[in-house]
């Protein structure tokens, strides 16, 4: 592998039920979340299936971002009862090789929302 290529992510089912809280509301809840890491030292990123990720609380933006090793993602604003959190979630539009399992899943920024395991 070339030294500048991103590693292939490790993807596995996340244990337990994952709940996302933001802006005074439960945004999402899923027992079918996936966990991804690019290296064992990385904090896990949790991906909820789109159908369970609180789409009524999500608004697409025009912005996209390249997530190393994961692919190109569309940024989503989280619109809650008391606030809008800009770019607080993202969905992979073009998964990188090895990240295809994350297609049609949404991840949330843990610095803007509360992610809990029940």
N, C-alpha and C. Protein backbone atom coordinates (compact mmCIF):
# COMPACT_ATOMS: atom_id res chain seq x y z
N UNK A 1 0.85 -1.18 0.00
CA UNK A 1 0.00 0.00 0.00
C UNK A 1 0.89 1.23 0.00
N UNK A 2 0.60 2.22 -0.87
CA UNK A 2 1.38 3.46 -0.86
C UNK A 2 1.26 4.15 0.49
N UNK A 3 2.32 4.86 0.88
CA UNK A 3 2.34 5.48 2.21
C UNK A 3 1.28 6.56 2.39
N UNK A 4 0.76 7.15 1.30
CA UNK A 4 -0.24 8.20 1.44
C UNK A 4 -1.68 7.70 1.30
N UNK A 5 -1.86 6.39 1.09
CA UNK A 5 -3.21 5.84 0.97
C UNK A 5 -3.83 5.68 2.36
N UNK A 6 -5.12 5.98 2.45
CA UNK A 6 -5.82 5.83 3.73
C UNK A 6 -6.04 4.35 4.02
N UNK A 7 -5.96 3.96 5.28
CA UNK A 7 -6.21 2.56 5.62
C UNK A 7 -7.67 2.19 5.40
N UNK A 8 -7.90 0.91 5.21
CA UNK A 8 -9.27 0.41 5.08
C UNK A 8 -9.89 0.35 6.48
N UNK A 9 -11.11 0.86 6.63
CA UNK A 9 -11.69 0.87 7.97
C UNK A 9 -12.08 -0.53 8.45
N UNK A 10 -12.03 -0.69 9.76
CA UNK A 10 -12.58 -1.88 10.39
C UNK A 10 -14.03 -1.54 10.72
N UNK A 11 -14.96 -2.34 10.23
CA UNK A 11 -16.39 -2.08 10.43
C UNK A 11 -17.00 -3.31 11.08
N UNK A 12 -17.77 -3.09 12.14
CA UNK A 12 -18.44 -4.19 12.82
C UNK A 12 -19.74 -3.70 13.45
N UNK A 13 -20.64 -4.61 13.78
CA UNK A 13 -21.86 -4.18 14.48
C UNK A 13 -21.50 -3.56 15.82
N UNK A 14 -22.18 -2.48 16.18
CA UNK A 14 -21.98 -1.84 17.48
C UNK A 14 -22.83 -2.55 18.51
N UNK A 15 -22.26 -2.80 19.66
CA UNK A 15 -22.99 -3.47 20.74
C UNK A 15 -24.05 -2.55 21.33
N UNK A 16 -25.17 -3.14 21.69
CA UNK A 16 -26.22 -2.39 22.38
C UNK A 16 -27.05 -1.52 21.46
N UNK A 17 -27.92 -0.75 22.09
CA UNK A 17 -28.77 0.21 21.40
C UNK A 17 -28.07 1.56 21.48
N UNK A 18 -27.98 2.26 20.36
CA UNK A 18 -27.34 3.59 20.31
C UNK A 18 -28.43 4.65 20.22
N UNK A 19 -28.30 5.68 21.06
CA UNK A 19 -29.25 6.78 21.09
C UNK A 19 -28.48 8.07 20.84
N UNK A 20 -29.06 8.93 20.01
CA UNK A 20 -28.47 10.23 19.70
C UNK A 20 -29.42 11.29 20.25
N UNK A 21 -28.89 12.18 21.10
CA UNK A 21 -29.67 13.28 21.67
C UNK A 21 -29.02 14.59 21.26
N UNK A 22 -29.88 15.54 20.86
CA UNK A 22 -29.38 16.87 20.48
C UNK A 22 -30.52 17.86 20.50
N UNK A 23 -30.19 19.09 20.81
CA UNK A 23 -31.16 20.19 20.75
C UNK A 23 -32.47 19.83 21.44
N UNK A 24 -32.36 19.28 22.66
CA UNK A 24 -33.52 18.94 23.49
C UNK A 24 -34.43 17.86 22.92
N UNK A 25 -33.87 16.97 22.13
CA UNK A 25 -34.69 15.90 21.55
C UNK A 25 -33.87 14.63 21.35
N UNK A 26 -34.55 13.48 21.34
CA UNK A 26 -33.93 12.24 20.90
C UNK A 26 -34.01 12.27 19.38
N UNK A 27 -32.86 12.31 18.74
CA UNK A 27 -32.78 12.43 17.29
C UNK A 27 -32.88 11.06 16.62
N UNK A 28 -32.26 10.06 17.25
CA UNK A 28 -32.20 8.73 16.63
C UNK A 28 -31.99 7.67 17.69
N UNK A 29 -32.41 6.45 17.35
CA UNK A 29 -32.21 5.29 18.22
C UNK A 29 -32.13 4.06 17.33
N UNK A 30 -31.11 3.22 17.57
CA UNK A 30 -30.96 2.04 16.73
C UNK A 30 -30.26 0.91 17.47
N UNK A 31 -30.74 -0.29 17.26
CA UNK A 31 -30.07 -1.49 17.74
C UNK A 31 -29.25 -2.10 16.60
N UNK A 32 -29.16 -1.40 15.46
CA UNK A 32 -28.49 -1.92 14.28
C UNK A 32 -27.34 -1.03 13.82
N UNK A 33 -26.76 -0.27 14.73
CA UNK A 33 -25.67 0.64 14.38
C UNK A 33 -24.41 -0.15 14.03
N UNK A 34 -23.57 0.50 13.23
CA UNK A 34 -22.26 -0.04 12.91
C UNK A 34 -21.21 0.85 13.55
N UNK A 35 -20.07 0.26 13.85
CA UNK A 35 -18.94 0.97 14.45
C UNK A 35 -17.78 0.88 13.46
N UNK A 36 -17.13 2.01 13.21
CA UNK A 36 -15.97 1.99 12.31
C UNK A 36 -14.77 2.63 13.00
N UNK A 37 -13.60 2.13 12.64
CA UNK A 37 -12.31 2.68 13.09
C UNK A 37 -11.33 2.50 11.94
N UNK A 38 -10.49 3.52 11.75
CA UNK A 38 -9.45 3.38 10.75
C UNK A 38 -8.22 2.68 11.32
N UNK A 39 -7.95 2.92 12.60
CA UNK A 39 -6.85 2.23 13.29
C UNK A 39 -7.36 1.85 14.68
N UNK A 40 -6.75 0.87 15.30
CA UNK A 40 -7.18 0.49 16.65
C UNK A 40 -7.11 1.63 17.67
N UNK A 41 -6.24 2.61 17.43
CA UNK A 41 -6.10 3.72 18.36
C UNK A 41 -7.19 4.78 18.19
N UNK A 42 -7.91 4.75 17.08
CA UNK A 42 -8.95 5.74 16.83
C UNK A 42 -10.17 5.52 17.70
N UNK A 43 -10.83 6.61 18.07
CA UNK A 43 -12.13 6.50 18.73
C UNK A 43 -13.12 5.96 17.70
N UNK A 44 -14.06 5.13 18.12
CA UNK A 44 -15.01 4.59 17.15
C UNK A 44 -15.96 5.67 16.64
N UNK A 45 -16.37 5.51 15.40
CA UNK A 45 -17.42 6.34 14.80
C UNK A 45 -18.63 5.43 14.66
N UNK A 46 -19.80 5.91 15.09
CA UNK A 46 -21.01 5.10 15.04
C UNK A 46 -21.90 5.56 13.91
N UNK A 47 -22.40 4.60 13.16
CA UNK A 47 -23.22 4.84 11.97
C UNK A 47 -24.56 4.16 12.17
N UNK A 48 -25.64 4.93 12.10
CA UNK A 48 -26.98 4.39 12.27
C UNK A 48 -27.62 4.22 10.90
N UNK A 49 -28.39 3.15 10.71
CA UNK A 49 -29.09 3.00 9.43
C UNK A 49 -29.95 4.23 9.17
N UNK A 50 -29.98 4.65 7.94
CA UNK A 50 -30.71 5.86 7.56
C UNK A 50 -32.15 5.83 8.06
N UNK A 51 -32.80 4.68 7.96
CA UNK A 51 -34.20 4.55 8.35
C UNK A 51 -34.40 4.74 9.85
N UNK A 52 -33.33 4.62 10.65
CA UNK A 52 -33.43 4.75 12.10
C UNK A 52 -32.69 5.98 12.62
N UNK A 53 -32.23 6.83 11.72
CA UNK A 53 -31.35 7.93 12.11
C UNK A 53 -32.06 9.26 12.24
N UNK A 54 -33.35 9.27 12.43
CA UNK A 54 -34.05 10.51 12.71
C UNK A 54 -34.12 11.48 11.56
N UNK A 55 -34.40 10.99 10.36
CA UNK A 55 -34.42 11.86 9.19
C UNK A 55 -35.31 13.09 9.32
N UNK A 56 -36.41 13.06 10.08
CA UNK A 56 -37.18 14.30 10.23
C UNK A 56 -36.38 15.43 10.88
N UNK A 57 -35.30 15.09 11.60
CA UNK A 57 -34.47 16.08 12.27
C UNK A 57 -33.26 16.49 11.43
N UNK A 58 -33.11 15.93 10.24
CA UNK A 58 -31.92 16.15 9.43
C UNK A 58 -32.24 16.93 8.17
N UNK A 59 -31.40 17.92 7.86
CA UNK A 59 -31.54 18.69 6.62
C UNK A 59 -30.24 18.58 5.84
N UNK A 60 -30.37 18.19 4.57
CA UNK A 60 -29.21 18.12 3.68
C UNK A 60 -28.62 19.50 3.48
N UNK A 61 -27.30 19.56 3.39
CA UNK A 61 -26.63 20.79 3.01
C UNK A 61 -26.01 20.58 1.64
N UNK A 62 -25.48 21.63 1.07
CA UNK A 62 -24.78 21.52 -0.20
C UNK A 62 -23.33 21.06 0.00
N UNK A 63 -22.87 21.08 1.23
CA UNK A 63 -21.47 20.80 1.52
C UNK A 63 -21.19 19.30 1.57
N UNK A 64 -20.03 18.94 1.04
CA UNK A 64 -19.54 17.57 1.16
C UNK A 64 -18.13 17.62 1.74
N UNK A 65 -17.69 16.50 2.24
CA UNK A 65 -16.36 16.40 2.84
C UNK A 65 -15.80 15.02 2.50
N UNK A 66 -14.50 14.96 2.31
CA UNK A 66 -13.83 13.68 2.09
C UNK A 66 -13.38 13.15 3.45
N UNK A 67 -13.87 11.96 3.81
CA UNK A 67 -13.48 11.32 5.06
C UNK A 67 -12.42 10.28 4.73
N UNK A 68 -11.17 10.49 5.13
CA UNK A 68 -10.10 9.57 4.76
C UNK A 68 -10.45 8.11 5.09
N UNK A 69 -10.29 7.26 4.09
CA UNK A 69 -10.57 5.84 4.26
C UNK A 69 -12.03 5.47 4.19
N UNK A 70 -12.93 6.46 4.23
CA UNK A 70 -14.36 6.19 4.25
C UNK A 70 -15.07 6.62 2.97
N UNK A 71 -14.66 7.74 2.39
CA UNK A 71 -15.27 8.22 1.15
C UNK A 71 -15.80 9.63 1.27
N UNK A 72 -16.61 10.01 0.28
CA UNK A 72 -17.18 11.37 0.23
C UNK A 72 -18.53 11.34 0.94
N UNK A 73 -18.70 12.30 1.88
CA UNK A 73 -19.92 12.37 2.68
C UNK A 73 -20.62 13.71 2.46
N UNK A 74 -21.94 13.67 2.48
CA UNK A 74 -22.78 14.88 2.46
C UNK A 74 -23.01 15.29 3.90
N UNK A 75 -22.82 16.57 4.20
CA UNK A 75 -23.06 17.07 5.55
C UNK A 75 -24.55 17.34 5.75
N UNK A 76 -25.00 17.10 6.96
CA UNK A 76 -26.40 17.29 7.33
C UNK A 76 -26.47 18.18 8.57
N UNK A 77 -27.41 19.10 8.57
CA UNK A 77 -27.69 19.88 9.77
C UNK A 77 -28.69 19.10 10.62
N UNK A 78 -28.52 19.15 11.92
CA UNK A 78 -29.49 18.56 12.86
C UNK A 78 -30.38 19.69 13.34
N UNK A 79 -31.69 19.55 13.09
CA UNK A 79 -32.65 20.57 13.46
C UNK A 79 -33.48 20.02 14.61
N UNK A 80 -33.28 20.61 15.80
CA UNK A 80 -33.98 20.14 16.98
C UNK A 80 -35.01 21.15 17.44
N UNK A 81 -35.59 20.86 18.58
CA UNK A 81 -36.63 21.70 19.16
C UNK A 81 -36.08 23.09 19.49
N UNK A 82 -34.88 23.13 20.07
CA UNK A 82 -34.36 24.40 20.56
C UNK A 82 -33.21 24.99 19.74
N UNK A 83 -32.67 24.24 18.78
CA UNK A 83 -31.51 24.75 18.04
C UNK A 83 -31.29 23.95 16.77
N UNK A 84 -30.55 24.57 15.85
CA UNK A 84 -30.05 23.88 14.67
C UNK A 84 -28.55 23.72 14.84
N UNK A 85 -28.07 22.51 14.67
CA UNK A 85 -26.65 22.22 14.79
C UNK A 85 -26.08 22.01 13.39
N UNK A 86 -25.33 22.99 12.88
CA UNK A 86 -24.83 22.88 11.51
C UNK A 86 -23.79 21.78 11.36
N UNK A 87 -23.94 21.03 10.28
CA UNK A 87 -22.99 19.96 9.92
C UNK A 87 -22.73 19.00 11.07
N UNK A 88 -23.77 18.65 11.82
CA UNK A 88 -23.63 17.76 12.97
C UNK A 88 -23.79 16.29 12.62
N UNK A 89 -24.07 16.01 11.34
CA UNK A 89 -24.22 14.62 10.89
C UNK A 89 -23.75 14.54 9.45
N UNK A 90 -23.50 13.31 9.00
CA UNK A 90 -23.10 13.13 7.61
C UNK A 90 -23.50 11.74 7.14
N UNK A 91 -23.67 11.64 5.83
CA UNK A 91 -24.02 10.38 5.19
C UNK A 91 -23.06 10.16 4.03
N UNK A 92 -22.53 8.95 3.92
CA UNK A 92 -21.61 8.65 2.83
C UNK A 92 -22.38 8.59 1.52
N UNK A 93 -21.99 9.42 0.57
CA UNK A 93 -22.59 9.36 -0.76
C UNK A 93 -21.77 8.48 -1.68
N UNK A 94 -20.46 8.49 -1.49
CA UNK A 94 -19.56 7.67 -2.30
C UNK A 94 -18.59 6.96 -1.36
N UNK A 95 -18.94 5.76 -0.90
CA UNK A 95 -18.05 5.05 0.02
C UNK A 95 -16.74 4.67 -0.66
N UNK A 96 -15.67 4.72 0.10
CA UNK A 96 -14.36 4.25 -0.38
C UNK A 96 -14.37 2.73 -0.40
N UNK A 97 -13.47 2.12 -1.18
CA UNK A 97 -13.35 0.66 -1.14
C UNK A 97 -13.12 0.19 0.30
N UNK A 98 -13.89 -0.78 0.71
CA UNK A 98 -13.80 -1.30 2.07
C UNK A 98 -14.79 -0.66 3.03
N UNK A 99 -15.43 0.44 2.60
CA UNK A 99 -16.40 1.13 3.47
C UNK A 99 -17.82 1.00 2.94
N UNK A 100 -18.04 0.13 2.00
CA UNK A 100 -19.37 0.00 1.38
C UNK A 100 -20.46 -0.35 2.39
N UNK A 101 -20.13 -1.04 3.47
CA UNK A 101 -21.13 -1.41 4.48
C UNK A 101 -21.75 -0.18 5.14
N UNK A 102 -21.06 0.97 5.05
CA UNK A 102 -21.55 2.20 5.68
C UNK A 102 -22.48 3.00 4.78
N UNK A 103 -22.64 2.56 3.54
CA UNK A 103 -23.58 3.23 2.64
C UNK A 103 -24.97 3.18 3.26
N UNK A 104 -25.71 4.25 3.10
CA UNK A 104 -27.07 4.36 3.62
C UNK A 104 -27.11 4.36 5.16
N UNK A 105 -26.01 4.80 5.78
CA UNK A 105 -25.92 4.98 7.22
C UNK A 105 -25.53 6.42 7.51
N UNK A 106 -25.92 6.91 8.66
CA UNK A 106 -25.64 8.29 9.05
C UNK A 106 -24.83 8.30 10.34
N UNK A 107 -23.78 9.11 10.35
CA UNK A 107 -22.95 9.30 11.55
C UNK A 107 -23.21 10.70 12.10
N UNK A 108 -22.99 10.85 13.39
CA UNK A 108 -23.22 12.12 14.08
C UNK A 108 -21.93 12.59 14.72
N UNK A 109 -21.72 13.90 14.75
CA UNK A 109 -20.54 14.50 15.33
C UNK A 109 -20.66 14.44 16.86
N UNK A 110 -19.80 13.65 17.52
CA UNK A 110 -19.91 13.51 18.97
C UNK A 110 -19.58 14.78 19.75
N UNK A 111 -19.04 15.79 19.07
CA UNK A 111 -18.79 17.07 19.74
C UNK A 111 -20.03 17.96 19.74
N UNK A 112 -21.04 17.61 18.92
CA UNK A 112 -22.25 18.42 18.84
C UNK A 112 -23.50 17.72 19.38
N UNK A 113 -23.46 16.40 19.45
CA UNK A 113 -24.60 15.64 19.95
C UNK A 113 -24.11 14.71 21.06
N UNK A 114 -25.05 14.16 21.79
CA UNK A 114 -24.73 13.17 22.81
C UNK A 114 -25.04 11.79 22.25
N UNK A 115 -24.04 10.94 22.23
CA UNK A 115 -24.20 9.55 21.78
C UNK A 115 -24.16 8.65 23.01
N UNK A 116 -25.22 7.85 23.17
CA UNK A 116 -25.30 6.97 24.35
C UNK A 116 -25.48 5.53 23.91
N UNK A 117 -24.99 4.64 24.75
CA UNK A 117 -25.26 3.20 24.57
C UNK A 117 -26.19 2.77 25.69
N UNK A 118 -27.31 2.19 25.31
CA UNK A 118 -28.26 1.67 26.31
C UNK A 118 -28.01 0.20 26.54
